[in-house]
Amino acid sequence: MSAAEANAVIAAEVLAVLRGAGVRTLVICPGGRNAPLVLAADASRGAFEVLNFFEERSASFFALGRIRRDNRPVAVLTTSGTAAAELLPAMLEAVHGGWPLVAVTADRPRKLRGTGAPQTIDQLPIFAACRIPVIDVDAPGQLSSLPPGPVHLNVCFDEPLTGEPVALSSAGTGMPRNASPWMTEESARQHWEDFFAGVRNPLVLVSSLTGDEAHDVAPWLASLSSPLYLEAVSQLRGHRNLQEFSLHAGERILSSPECRAACDGILRIGGVPTPRLWRELDDDPRPVLHVSRTPFPGLARGAPVLPLALFRTLTDVIPSGGNTSVLLARDRSITAATEELLAREPRSEAALVRAAAEKFARNARVFLGNSLSIREWDLVAPRTPSEQNFYANRGVNGIDGLVSSALGLADNSRPSAAVIGDLSALYDLAGLWPAAQLDGADITLAVVNNGGGMIFDRMFKNASFLNTHALHLRGWAEMFGWHYGQTHSAADTWPEPSPRMVEIVPDAAASARFAGNYAALWR
């Protein structure tokens, strides 16, 4: 068998195994060394959705969006060398978020490793920080299946690289195998019972969940009389049956004397929460219990992490509850005052984020950017029940790849929308690339341009942290053929045709007044 024939067989085997693992979308970044995979993917468009990218980092973050849209693994196919290394940020996000991203990196023959040959590096340890399975393939017949979860599949191809591609003839049709929980049901139940033996009235923090996970969690939460802090990405923030004990005044309520007096423990459900309180819990004497899709506690202190997959087996235990009337009264009072501040400062950043939330389609998939965007949304967005689903890259909390992840959610079945910051947009200028391949998708990208990384103004009061700029994004939108609009107040109109980019430009003085007056409510 010639090298070209062997390469074609290996490529066909890779696609068959991907299909058998549940992959239905291939995100390919064409290059020389991965030519056998590119040709095989092109010949297999009936079995896969195939999207082409020129930039690997954006491609891999787009794949993360697709994974969450479809609840299936997605594979990213790259050439060798630094192209493979570009996948590291998204792979870290996948591991910490619990998303089955498959990195398929083409490689030069094993004999060239360590020689300094062009486009040749040691690719096997690229994702060492992720601690994921690595499969190194250099001949037909070596690959039979993929482990569940994020995985690195490194495929060596010799020259000549290409001949006739081999048809995808034995592709599997099964869903991906689920990973076994890291804890037995018996152990999880014991930890659950031990926690509630000493905790009467927990503060329940609910962060990143899928729609199915939220559906499983909601009935138990509705049975509680304990305070609930429901982030948008919990999918439960507007749930009509959870509003009585839900805290609405923003994350500062969690550190208030009223909350500390009312709650004798912390129960986290879902991903690691956004509020500042979470970072303070390492020095908090109250017991903490985690229930999550991933085994990461998100804290240095020792506390068990129960598998979210076992949640429904544990919920016959319900805490007795405590007196939350003082806490809820303070929360509702500050919520009402915040509404007055928003009406008083319609050009402030918070009011413009509220206006964006009100304009997004009621059945949209909504992606929330990190830094200020997700925090402002949780503070000011309406809590009306809707068919919206919410997404964010909260595994590692980075601002890279956010545009790409948002577009990964898009298709023509539902509108998709995103609100991100200006530096996040500048960090992912290549992210608009796939829009032309998303036929008929209704896409809205709202970028809050406050002239720099203003979250650091709150943290350090030092201009060196801000990356201050005077850039605007019309040229970016026009370069990719997007419809562009700029808004300074809630009354401004947005572009009608899709894809549309809305640059939200808040008034700095109004934003400062809102922030100062909101902070004064807590004194």
Protein backbone atom coordinates (compact mmCIF):
# COMPACT_ATOMS: atom_id res chain seq x y z
CA MET A 1 0.00 0.00 0.00
CA SER A 2 1.45 3.38 -0.98
CA ALA A 3 1.63 6.29 1.48
CA ALA A 4 -1.17 8.08 -0.38
CA GLU A 5 -3.39 4.98 -0.19
CA ALA A 6 -2.63 4.48 3.49
CA ASN A 7 -3.41 8.15 4.20
CA ALA A 8 -6.78 7.83 2.48
CA VAL A 9 -7.65 4.72 4.52
CA ILE A 10 -6.59 6.37 7.78
CA ALA A 11 -8.66 9.47 6.99
CA ALA A 12 -11.72 7.34 6.24
CA GLU A 13 -11.22 5.43 9.50
CA VAL A 14 -10.97 8.70 11.42
CA LEU A 15 -14.27 9.94 10.00
CA ALA A 16 -15.96 6.60 10.65
CA VAL A 17 -14.88 6.66 14.28
CA LEU A 18 -15.98 10.27 14.66
CA ARG A 19 -19.37 9.43 13.25
CA GLY A 20 -19.65 6.45 15.57
CA ALA A 21 -18.82 8.69 18.54
CA GLY A 22 -21.77 10.94 17.68
CA VAL A 23 -19.97 13.68 15.74
CA ARG A 24 -22.16 15.25 13.06
CA THR A 25 -20.25 18.52 12.51
CA LEU A 26 -16.70 18.79 11.20
CA VAL A 27 -14.95 22.14 11.44
CA ILE A 28 -12.02 21.96 9.09
CA CYS A 29 -9.02 24.27 8.78
CA PRO A 30 -7.42 23.16 5.52
CA GLY A 31 -3.66 22.87 5.23
CA GLY A 32 -1.09 20.73 3.50
CA ARG A 33 -0.56 18.01 6.09
CA ASN A 34 -4.25 17.46 6.79
CA ALA A 35 -5.11 17.22 3.08
CA PRO A 36 -6.23 13.54 3.40
CA LEU A 37 -8.71 14.57 6.10
CA VAL A 38 -9.92 17.60 4.14
CA LEU A 39 -10.61 15.47 1.07
CA ALA A 40 -12.31 12.76 3.13
CA ALA A 41 -14.50 15.37 4.84
CA ASP A 42 -15.42 16.96 1.53
CA ALA A 43 -16.45 13.55 0.18
CA SER A 44 -18.55 12.91 3.32
CA ARG A 45 -20.77 16.01 3.37
CA GLY A 46 -23.86 13.82 3.35
CA ALA A 47 -22.80 12.26 6.65
CA PHE A 48 -21.54 15.48 8.28
CA GLU A 49 -22.12 19.20 8.36
CA VAL A 50 -18.76 20.52 7.14
CA LEU A 51 -17.68 24.11 7.75
CA ASN A 52 -14.42 25.66 6.57
CA PHE A 53 -12.24 28.05 8.57
CA PHE A 54 -8.89 29.68 7.94
CA GLU A 55 -8.07 30.33 11.60
CA GLU A 56 -7.85 27.44 14.06
CA ARG A 57 -8.52 29.25 17.33
CA SER A 58 -11.79 30.72 16.06
CA ALA A 59 -12.71 27.38 14.52
CA SER A 60 -12.34 25.55 17.82
CA PHE A 61 -14.41 28.09 19.74
CA PHE A 62 -17.08 27.89 17.03
CA ALA A 63 -17.08 24.13 17.66
CA LEU A 64 -17.80 24.77 21.35
CA GLY A 65 -20.92 26.69 20.35
CA ARG A 66 -21.99 23.86 18.06
CA ILE A 67 -21.50 21.30 20.83
CA ARG A 68 -23.89 23.18 23.08
CA ARG A 69 -26.40 23.85 20.33
CA ASP A 70 -26.65 20.18 19.37
CA ASN A 71 -25.60 18.46 22.61
CA ARG A 72 -23.15 16.37 20.54
CA PRO A 73 -19.39 16.20 20.20
CA VAL A 74 -17.83 18.26 17.40
CA ALA A 75 -14.46 17.68 15.74
CA VAL A 76 -11.98 20.33 14.63
CA LEU A 77 -9.49 19.22 11.96
CA THR A 78 -6.18 21.08 11.68
CA THR A 79 -2.86 20.75 9.92
CA SER A 80 0.42 20.28 11.80
CA GLY A 81 2.64 22.58 13.84
CA THR A 82 1.38 25.80 15.39
CA ALA A 83 -2.02 25.22 13.78
CA ALA A 84 -2.56 22.40 16.24
CA ALA A 85 -1.38 24.55 19.14
CA GLU A 86 -4.07 27.16 18.36
CA LEU A 87 -6.69 24.75 19.70
CA LEU A 88 -5.37 24.88 23.29
CA PRO A 89 -7.58 27.75 24.60
CA ALA A 90 -10.81 26.14 23.37
CA MET A 91 -9.72 22.73 24.63
CA LEU A 92 -9.12 24.19 28.09
CA GLU A 93 -12.62 25.69 27.98
CA ALA A 94 -14.03 22.34 26.86
CA VAL A 95 -12.41 20.47 29.74
CA HIS A 96 -13.44 22.96 32.40
CA GLY A 97 -16.93 23.31 30.97
CA GLY A 98 -17.50 19.61 30.36
CA TRP A 99 -17.90 19.79 26.55
CA PRO A 100 -16.82 16.94 24.20
CA LEU A 101 -14.51 18.78 21.81
CA VAL A 102 -12.46 16.46 19.58
CA ALA A 103 -9.15 17.89 18.32
CA VAL A 104 -8.02 16.03 15.18
CA THR A 105 -4.52 17.29 14.44
CA ALA A 106 -2.64 16.14 11.38
CA ASP A 107 1.05 15.47 11.96
CA ARG A 108 4.18 14.74 10.01
CA PRO A 109 5.68 11.22 10.35
CA ARG A 110 6.89 10.24 13.81
CA LYS A 111 10.49 9.98 12.62
CA LEU A 112 10.60 13.76 12.13
CA ARG A 113 9.73 14.65 15.74
CA GLY A 114 12.54 16.51 17.43
CA THR A 115 14.37 17.19 14.18
CA GLY A 116 13.27 20.78 13.61
CA ALA A 117 11.73 19.82 10.26
CA PRO A 118 9.31 22.44 8.89
CA GLN A 119 5.86 22.49 10.52
CA THR A 120 6.96 19.69 12.85
CA ILE A 121 6.67 19.92 16.63
CA ASP A 122 5.96 17.37 19.32
CA GLN A 123 2.17 17.60 19.18
CA LEU A 124 1.36 14.91 21.73
CA PRO A 125 1.86 17.08 24.84
CA ILE A 126 0.14 20.19 23.40
CA PHE A 127 -2.92 19.66 25.59
CA ALA A 128 -1.06 18.39 28.66
CA ALA A 129 -2.67 21.06 30.82
CA CYS A 130 -6.07 19.64 29.85
CA ARG A 131 -5.24 16.10 31.02
CA ILE A 132 -7.25 14.51 28.23
CA PRO A 133 -6.76 11.25 26.32
CA VAL A 134 -4.28 11.44 23.44
CA ILE A 135 -4.42 8.94 20.58
CA ASP A 136 -1.50 8.87 18.16
CA VAL A 137 -2.23 7.14 14.82
CA ASP A 138 0.23 6.53 11.99
CA ALA A 139 -1.14 3.50 10.13
CA PRO A 140 -4.47 1.98 9.10
CA GLY A 141 -6.26 -0.23 11.60
CA GLN A 142 -5.02 1.50 14.77
CA LEU A 143 -8.23 3.39 15.57
CA SER A 144 -11.46 1.71 16.64
CA SER A 145 -13.26 4.12 18.99
CA LEU A 146 -12.95 7.34 20.95
CA PRO A 147 -13.24 7.79 24.70
CA PRO A 148 -16.02 10.12 25.91
CA GLY A 149 -15.41 13.78 26.57
CA PRO A 150 -12.66 16.01 25.16
CA VAL A 151 -9.99 14.04 23.31
CA HIS A 152 -6.93 14.67 21.15
CA LEU A 153 -6.59 12.51 18.03
CA ASN A 154 -3.19 13.02 16.40
CA VAL A 155 -2.90 11.54 12.91
CA CYS A 156 0.46 11.15 11.13
CA PHE A 157 0.50 11.32 7.34
CA ASP A 158 3.51 10.57 5.12
CA GLU A 159 4.10 11.76 1.57
CA PRO A 160 2.76 11.63 -1.05
CA LEU A 161 -0.19 12.92 0.92
CA THR A 162 -3.14 12.35 -1.37
CA GLY A 163 -4.64 9.99 -3.86
CA GLU A 164 -8.27 9.04 -4.28
CA PRO A 165 -10.26 9.53 -1.04
CA VAL A 166 -11.81 6.40 0.43
CA ALA A 167 -15.59 6.51 0.86
CA LEU A 168 -17.03 6.60 4.37
CA SER A 169 -18.48 3.11 4.27
CA SER A 170 -18.63 1.89 7.85
CA ALA A 171 -19.59 4.96 9.82
CA GLY A 172 -21.25 4.27 13.15
CA THR A 173 -24.60 5.75 14.03
CA GLY A 174 -24.63 5.51 17.82
CA MET A 175 -24.60 8.43 20.24
CA PRO A 176 -21.35 9.07 22.08
CA ARG A 177 -20.65 6.93 25.11
CA ASN A 178 -21.18 8.76 28.37
CA ALA A 179 -18.35 8.97 30.86
CA SER A 180 -18.92 7.17 34.14
CA PRO A 181 -19.51 9.56 37.07
CA TRP A 182 -16.42 10.15 39.21
CA MET A 183 -18.43 9.24 42.33
CA THR A 184 -20.80 6.40 43.13
CA GLU A 185 -24.43 7.04 43.92
CA GLU A 186 -23.85 5.75 47.46
CA SER A 187 -21.01 8.19 48.08
CA ALA A 188 -22.95 11.08 46.57
CA ARG A 189 -25.95 10.35 48.77
CA GLN A 190 -23.77 10.22 51.88
CA HIS A 191 -22.21 13.60 51.11
CA TRP A 192 -25.67 15.06 50.38
CA GLU A 193 -27.12 13.78 53.65
CA ASP A 194 -24.08 14.90 55.64
CA PHE A 195 -24.38 18.42 54.25
CA PHE A 196 -28.08 18.76 55.03
CA ALA A 197 -27.67 17.21 58.46
CA GLY A 198 -25.93 20.45 59.45
CA VAL A 199 -27.44 22.97 57.01
CA ARG A 200 -30.98 24.15 57.49
CA ASN A 201 -31.26 27.07 55.09
CA PRO A 202 -28.64 27.06 52.31
CA LEU A 203 -27.97 29.79 49.81
CA VAL A 204 -28.46 27.98 46.50
CA LEU A 205 -26.28 29.29 43.66
CA VAL A 206 -27.30 27.92 40.25
CA SER A 207 -24.97 28.54 37.34
CA SER A 208 -24.28 26.90 33.95
CA LEU A 209 -26.78 24.17 33.09
CA THR A 210 -28.11 22.76 29.85
CA GLY A 211 -31.84 22.91 29.20
CA ASP A 212 -32.24 19.24 30.14
CA GLU A 213 -30.24 19.69 33.34
CA ALA A 214 -32.33 22.70 34.30
CA HIS A 215 -35.50 20.69 33.71
CA ASP A 216 -34.24 18.05 36.16
CA VAL A 217 -33.23 20.60 38.79
CA ALA A 218 -36.25 22.95 38.71
CA PRO A 219 -38.83 20.82 40.59
CA TRP A 220 -36.54 20.38 43.60
CA LEU A 221 -35.68 24.08 43.67
CA ALA A 222 -39.38 24.90 43.57
CA SER A 223 -39.90 22.81 46.70
CA LEU A 224 -37.44 24.92 48.72
CA SER A 225 -37.98 27.97 50.86
CA SER A 226 -34.27 28.84 50.71
CA PRO A 227 -32.78 31.83 48.84
CA LEU A 228 -31.95 31.14 45.19
CA TYR A 229 -29.42 33.01 43.07
CA LEU A 230 -30.23 32.00 39.50
CA GLU A 231 -27.78 33.10 36.82
CA ALA A 232 -29.04 33.45 33.27
CA VAL A 233 -26.90 30.50 32.17
CA SER A 234 -28.77 28.30 34.67
CA GLN A 235 -31.73 28.49 32.22
CA LEU A 236 -33.88 29.15 35.31
CA ARG A 237 -33.55 32.89 35.94
CA GLY A 238 -37.02 33.65 34.56
CA HIS A 239 -38.71 30.40 35.66
CA ARG A 240 -42.15 31.38 36.88
CA ASN A 241 -42.18 28.82 39.73
CA LEU A 242 -38.86 29.99 41.22
CA GLN A 243 -39.38 33.73 41.65
CA GLU A 244 -40.72 33.78 45.23
CA PHE A 245 -37.36 32.95 46.80
CA SER A 246 -35.13 34.12 43.95
CA LEU A 247 -32.77 37.03 44.68
CA HIS A 248 -33.15 39.81 42.08
CA ALA A 249 -30.99 42.70 43.30
CA GLY A 250 -27.68 41.55 41.85
CA GLU A 251 -24.71 39.68 43.22
CA ARG A 252 -24.05 42.20 46.03
CA ILE A 253 -27.02 40.80 47.91
CA LEU A 254 -25.04 37.59 48.41
CA SER A 255 -22.44 39.36 50.57
CA SER A 256 -24.97 41.44 52.50
CA PRO A 257 -25.39 41.03 56.28
CA GLU A 258 -28.97 39.91 55.66
CA CYS A 259 -27.84 37.06 53.42
CA ARG A 260 -25.08 35.95 55.76
CA ALA A 261 -27.53 35.93 58.66
CA ALA A 262 -30.18 33.97 56.75
CA CYS A 263 -28.00 31.26 55.14
CA ASP A 264 -25.98 28.68 57.05
CA GLY A 265 -24.46 26.89 54.04
CA ILE A 266 -23.80 27.21 50.32
CA LEU A 267 -25.13 24.76 47.72
CA ARG A 268 -23.78 25.27 44.21
CA ILE A 269 -25.57 23.58 41.31
CA GLY A 270 -24.06 23.73 37.81
CA GLY A 271 -20.86 25.45 36.75
CA VAL A 272 -18.67 27.69 38.88
CA PRO A 273 -20.74 30.82 39.66
CA THR A 274 -19.94 34.33 38.49
CA PRO A 275 -20.49 36.41 41.68
CA ARG A 276 -17.60 37.77 43.70
CA LEU A 277 -18.93 35.90 46.73
CA TRP A 278 -17.67 32.66 45.19
CA ARG A 279 -14.05 33.82 45.42
CA GLU A 280 -14.55 34.72 49.06
CA LEU A 281 -15.82 31.31 50.12
CA ASP A 282 -12.35 29.91 50.76
CA ASP A 283 -12.36 32.07 53.91
CA ASP A 284 -16.02 31.50 54.77
CA PRO A 285 -16.73 29.06 57.63
CA ARG A 286 -20.08 27.93 56.22
CA PRO A 287 -20.27 24.44 54.68
CA VAL A 288 -20.20 24.21 50.89
CA LEU A 289 -21.49 21.45 48.62
CA HIS A 290 -21.12 21.26 44.83
CA VAL A 291 -23.28 19.48 42.25
CA SER A 292 -21.78 19.80 38.80
CA ARG A 293 -21.23 18.31 35.33
CA THR A 294 -17.47 18.44 35.95
CA PRO A 295 -15.48 17.39 39.04
CA PHE A 296 -13.94 20.83 39.60
CA PRO A 297 -14.86 22.53 42.91
CA GLY A 298 -13.74 25.99 41.78
CA LEU A 299 -12.39 26.58 45.30
CA ALA A 300 -9.19 25.70 47.13
CA ARG A 301 -11.07 24.50 50.20
CA GLY A 302 -11.97 20.86 50.39
CA ALA A 303 -15.61 20.18 49.57
CA PRO A 304 -17.14 17.26 47.67
CA VAL A 305 -18.34 17.69 44.08
CA LEU A 306 -21.35 15.48 43.36
CA PRO A 307 -22.03 14.43 39.75
CA LEU A 308 -24.96 16.36 38.32
CA ALA A 309 -26.03 13.18 36.53
CA LEU A 310 -26.97 11.75 39.96
CA PHE A 311 -28.97 14.77 41.11
CA ARG A 312 -32.42 13.25 40.70
CA THR A 313 -31.46 10.31 42.92
CA LEU A 314 -30.67 12.66 45.83
CA THR A 315 -33.57 15.08 45.98
CA ASP A 316 -35.78 13.26 48.44
CA VAL A 317 -33.78 15.18 51.05
CA ILE A 318 -35.11 18.74 51.42
CA PRO A 319 -33.71 21.28 53.90
CA SER A 320 -36.10 22.49 56.57
CA GLY A 321 -35.66 26.15 55.63
CA GLY A 322 -35.27 29.28 57.73
CA ASN A 323 -36.48 32.83 58.04
CA THR A 324 -35.67 34.70 54.83
CA SER A 325 -38.15 37.57 55.20
CA VAL A 326 -35.56 40.22 56.11
CA LEU A 327 -33.26 39.16 53.25
CA LEU A 328 -36.06 39.12 50.69
CA ALA A 329 -37.36 42.50 51.86
CA ARG A 330 -33.91 44.07 51.34
CA ASP A 331 -33.57 42.36 47.98
CA ARG A 332 -36.92 43.61 46.72
CA SER A 333 -36.29 47.14 47.98
CA ILE A 334 -32.98 47.41 46.15
CA THR A 335 -34.47 45.82 43.05
CA ALA A 336 -37.14 48.51 42.92
CA ALA A 337 -34.54 51.23 43.46
CA THR A 338 -32.39 49.77 40.66
CA GLU A 339 -35.34 49.97 38.29
CA GLU A 340 -35.64 53.67 39.12
CA LEU A 341 -31.93 54.18 38.43
CA LEU A 342 -32.23 52.49 35.03
CA ALA A 343 -35.11 54.78 34.10
CA ARG A 344 -33.13 57.81 35.30
CA GLU A 345 -30.02 56.93 33.29
CA PRO A 346 -31.26 55.60 29.90
CA ARG A 347 -27.85 56.17 28.26
CA SER A 348 -25.90 54.24 30.87
CA GLU A 349 -24.29 50.94 29.99
CA ALA A 350 -26.62 49.01 32.29
CA ALA A 351 -29.71 50.57 30.70
CA LEU A 352 -28.43 49.81 27.20
CA VAL A 353 -27.78 46.17 28.13
CA ARG A 354 -31.35 46.06 29.45
CA ALA A 355 -32.57 47.48 26.13
CA ALA A 356 -30.62 44.85 24.21
CA ALA A 357 -32.16 42.12 26.32
CA GLU A 358 -35.62 43.44 25.49
CA LYS A 359 -34.88 43.48 21.75
CA PHE A 360 -33.56 39.94 21.45
CA ALA A 361 -36.08 37.46 20.04
CA ARG A 362 -38.08 35.65 22.71
CA ASN A 363 -36.97 32.27 21.37
CA ALA A 364 -33.32 33.20 20.76
CA ARG A 365 -30.24 31.29 21.74
CA VAL A 366 -28.41 34.02 23.66
CA PHE A 367 -24.65 34.01 24.20
CA LEU A 368 -23.32 36.17 27.04
CA GLY A 369 -19.77 37.44 26.95
CA ASN A 370 -17.45 37.34 29.92
CA SER A 371 -16.19 40.31 31.91
CA LEU A 372 -18.93 42.94 32.39
CA SER A 373 -21.48 41.59 29.90
CA ILE A 374 -22.64 38.55 31.82
CA ARG A 375 -22.68 40.42 35.13
CA GLU A 376 -24.71 43.31 33.76
CA TRP A 377 -27.16 40.93 32.11
CA ASP A 378 -27.74 39.09 35.38
CA LEU A 379 -28.33 42.41 37.12
CA VAL A 380 -30.67 44.18 34.69
CA ALA A 381 -32.16 41.81 32.09
CA PRO A 382 -35.91 41.15 32.47
CA ARG A 383 -36.98 37.98 34.25
CA THR A 384 -39.99 37.27 32.07
CA PRO A 385 -40.46 33.60 31.14
CA SER A 386 -39.43 32.92 27.55
CA GLU A 387 -38.10 30.25 25.25
CA GLN A 388 -34.62 31.73 25.30
CA ASN A 389 -31.61 29.59 26.17
CA PHE A 390 -28.43 31.12 27.53
CA TYR A 391 -24.81 30.18 26.95
CA ALA A 392 -21.39 31.45 28.02
CA ASN A 393 -17.80 30.25 28.15
CA ARG A 394 -17.60 30.06 31.93
CA GLY A 395 -15.22 27.10 32.18
CA VAL A 396 -12.10 29.28 32.10
CA ASN A 397 -13.90 32.64 31.88
CA GLY A 398 -11.72 34.00 29.06
CA ILE A 399 -12.62 36.72 26.57
CA ASP A 400 -11.05 34.93 23.59
CA GLY A 401 -13.23 33.15 21.05
CA LEU A 402 -16.53 34.65 22.22
CA VAL A 403 -17.71 35.82 18.79
CA SER A 404 -16.91 32.38 17.37
CA SER A 405 -18.73 30.51 20.14
CA ALA A 406 -21.76 32.74 19.65
CA LEU A 407 -21.87 31.97 15.92
CA GLY A 408 -21.49 28.29 16.69
CA LEU A 409 -25.00 28.42 18.17
CA ALA A 410 -26.55 29.74 14.96
CA ASP A 411 -28.76 27.95 12.44
CA ASN A 412 -32.00 28.68 10.60
CA SER A 413 -34.27 27.00 13.16
CA ARG A 414 -34.10 29.76 15.79
CA PRO A 415 -32.62 33.25 16.07
CA SER A 416 -29.29 33.57 17.83
CA ALA A 417 -27.96 36.62 19.64
CA ALA A 418 -24.96 37.66 21.68
CA VAL A 419 -23.85 40.53 23.85
CA ILE A 420 -20.11 40.91 24.37
CA GLY A 421 -17.60 43.61 25.22
CA ASP A 422 -15.46 45.61 22.83
CA LEU A 423 -12.14 43.97 23.75
CA SER A 424 -13.76 40.56 23.36
CA ALA A 425 -14.82 41.56 19.85
CA LEU A 426 -11.35 42.81 18.98
CA TYR A 427 -9.87 39.59 20.35
CA ASP A 428 -11.89 37.52 17.87
CA LEU A 429 -12.04 39.52 14.65
CA ALA A 430 -11.91 36.30 12.62
CA GLY A 431 -15.05 35.11 14.39
CA LEU A 432 -17.45 36.53 11.78
CA TRP A 433 -15.97 34.30 9.06
CA PRO A 434 -18.47 31.37 9.22
CA ALA A 435 -21.62 33.53 8.93
CA ALA A 436 -21.58 33.18 5.14
CA GLN A 437 -21.81 29.40 5.55
CA LEU A 438 -24.85 29.56 7.87
CA ASP A 439 -27.59 29.85 5.28
CA GLY A 440 -30.68 31.60 6.56
CA ALA A 441 -29.48 32.03 10.15
CA ASP A 442 -30.89 35.06 12.00
CA ILE A 443 -27.87 36.39 13.92
CA THR A 444 -27.52 39.47 16.14
CA LEU A 445 -24.18 40.49 17.62
CA ALA A 446 -24.39 43.31 20.14
CA VAL A 447 -21.02 44.75 21.16
CA VAL A 448 -20.84 47.06 24.16
CA ASN A 449 -18.11 49.54 23.22
CA ASN A 450 -17.15 51.44 26.34
CA GLY A 451 -13.67 52.22 25.08
CA GLY A 452 -11.68 49.56 26.91
CA GLY A 453 -11.68 46.91 29.62
CA MET A 454 -13.81 48.87 32.05
CA ILE A 455 -14.23 46.00 34.50
CA PHE A 456 -10.65 46.73 35.57
CA ASP A 457 -11.59 50.32 36.39
CA ARG A 458 -13.71 48.86 39.18
CA MET A 459 -10.93 46.56 40.34
CA PHE A 460 -7.69 48.55 40.21
CA LYS A 461 -8.39 52.23 39.39
CA ASN A 462 -5.27 52.23 37.21
CA ALA A 463 -5.44 53.19 33.55
CA SER A 464 -2.71 50.69 32.65
CA PHE A 465 -5.28 47.90 32.91
CA LEU A 466 -7.90 49.42 30.62
CA ASN A 467 -6.46 49.16 27.09
CA THR A 468 -8.27 52.40 26.32
CA HIS A 469 -9.13 52.96 22.66
CA ALA A 470 -11.25 55.06 20.32
CA LEU A 471 -12.04 52.32 17.81
CA HIS A 472 -15.45 51.65 16.29
CA LEU A 473 -16.62 48.51 14.53
CA ARG A 474 -18.44 49.63 11.38
CA GLY A 475 -15.48 48.66 9.19
CA TRP A 476 -15.34 45.19 10.75
CA ALA A 477 -19.02 44.60 10.04
CA GLU A 478 -18.75 45.90 6.48
CA MET A 479 -15.66 43.80 5.74
CA PHE A 480 -17.69 40.64 6.40
CA GLY A 481 -20.91 41.93 4.83
CA TRP A 482 -22.86 42.38 8.06
CA HIS A 483 -25.57 45.01 8.53
CA TYR A 484 -24.40 47.59 11.06
CA GLY A 485 -26.06 49.94 13.47
CA GLN A 486 -24.93 52.05 16.41
CA THR A 487 -27.05 52.79 19.45
CA HIS A 488 -26.65 55.36 22.24
CA SER A 489 -30.06 55.02 23.89
CA ALA A 490 -32.82 52.51 24.28
CA ALA A 491 -34.92 54.39 21.72
CA ASP A 492 -32.42 53.89 18.87
CA THR A 493 -33.41 51.40 16.18
CA TRP A 494 -31.48 48.30 15.20
CA PRO A 495 -30.77 47.02 11.68
CA GLU A 496 -33.47 44.70 10.39
CA PRO A 497 -31.62 42.37 7.97
CA SER A 498 -29.40 39.57 9.28
CA PRO A 499 -26.61 39.11 10.10
CA ARG A 500 -26.64 42.34 12.07
CA MET A 501 -24.07 43.96 14.32
CA VAL A 502 -25.17 46.54 16.85
CA GLU A 503 -22.47 48.64 18.45
CA ILE A 504 -23.76 49.79 21.82
CA VAL A 505 -22.00 53.00 22.86
CA PRO A 506 -22.89 53.99 26.43
CA ASP A 507 -22.43 57.46 27.84
CA ALA A 508 -19.47 57.25 30.23
CA ALA A 509 -20.83 59.87 32.64
CA ALA A 510 -24.26 58.22 32.78
CA SER A 511 -22.63 54.83 33.38
CA ALA A 512 -20.54 56.26 36.21
CA ARG A 513 -23.60 57.86 37.80
CA PHE A 514 -25.55 54.64 37.59
CA ALA A 515 -22.69 52.62 39.08
CA GLY A 516 -22.17 55.11 41.90
CA ASN A 517 -25.86 55.37 42.77
CA TYR A 518 -26.29 51.61 42.62
CA ALA A 519 -23.32 51.14 44.97
CA ALA A 520 -24.85 53.69 47.35
CA LEU A 521 -27.95 51.53 47.71
CA TRP A 522 -25.88 48.98 49.61
CA ARG A 523 -24.43 51.37 52.19
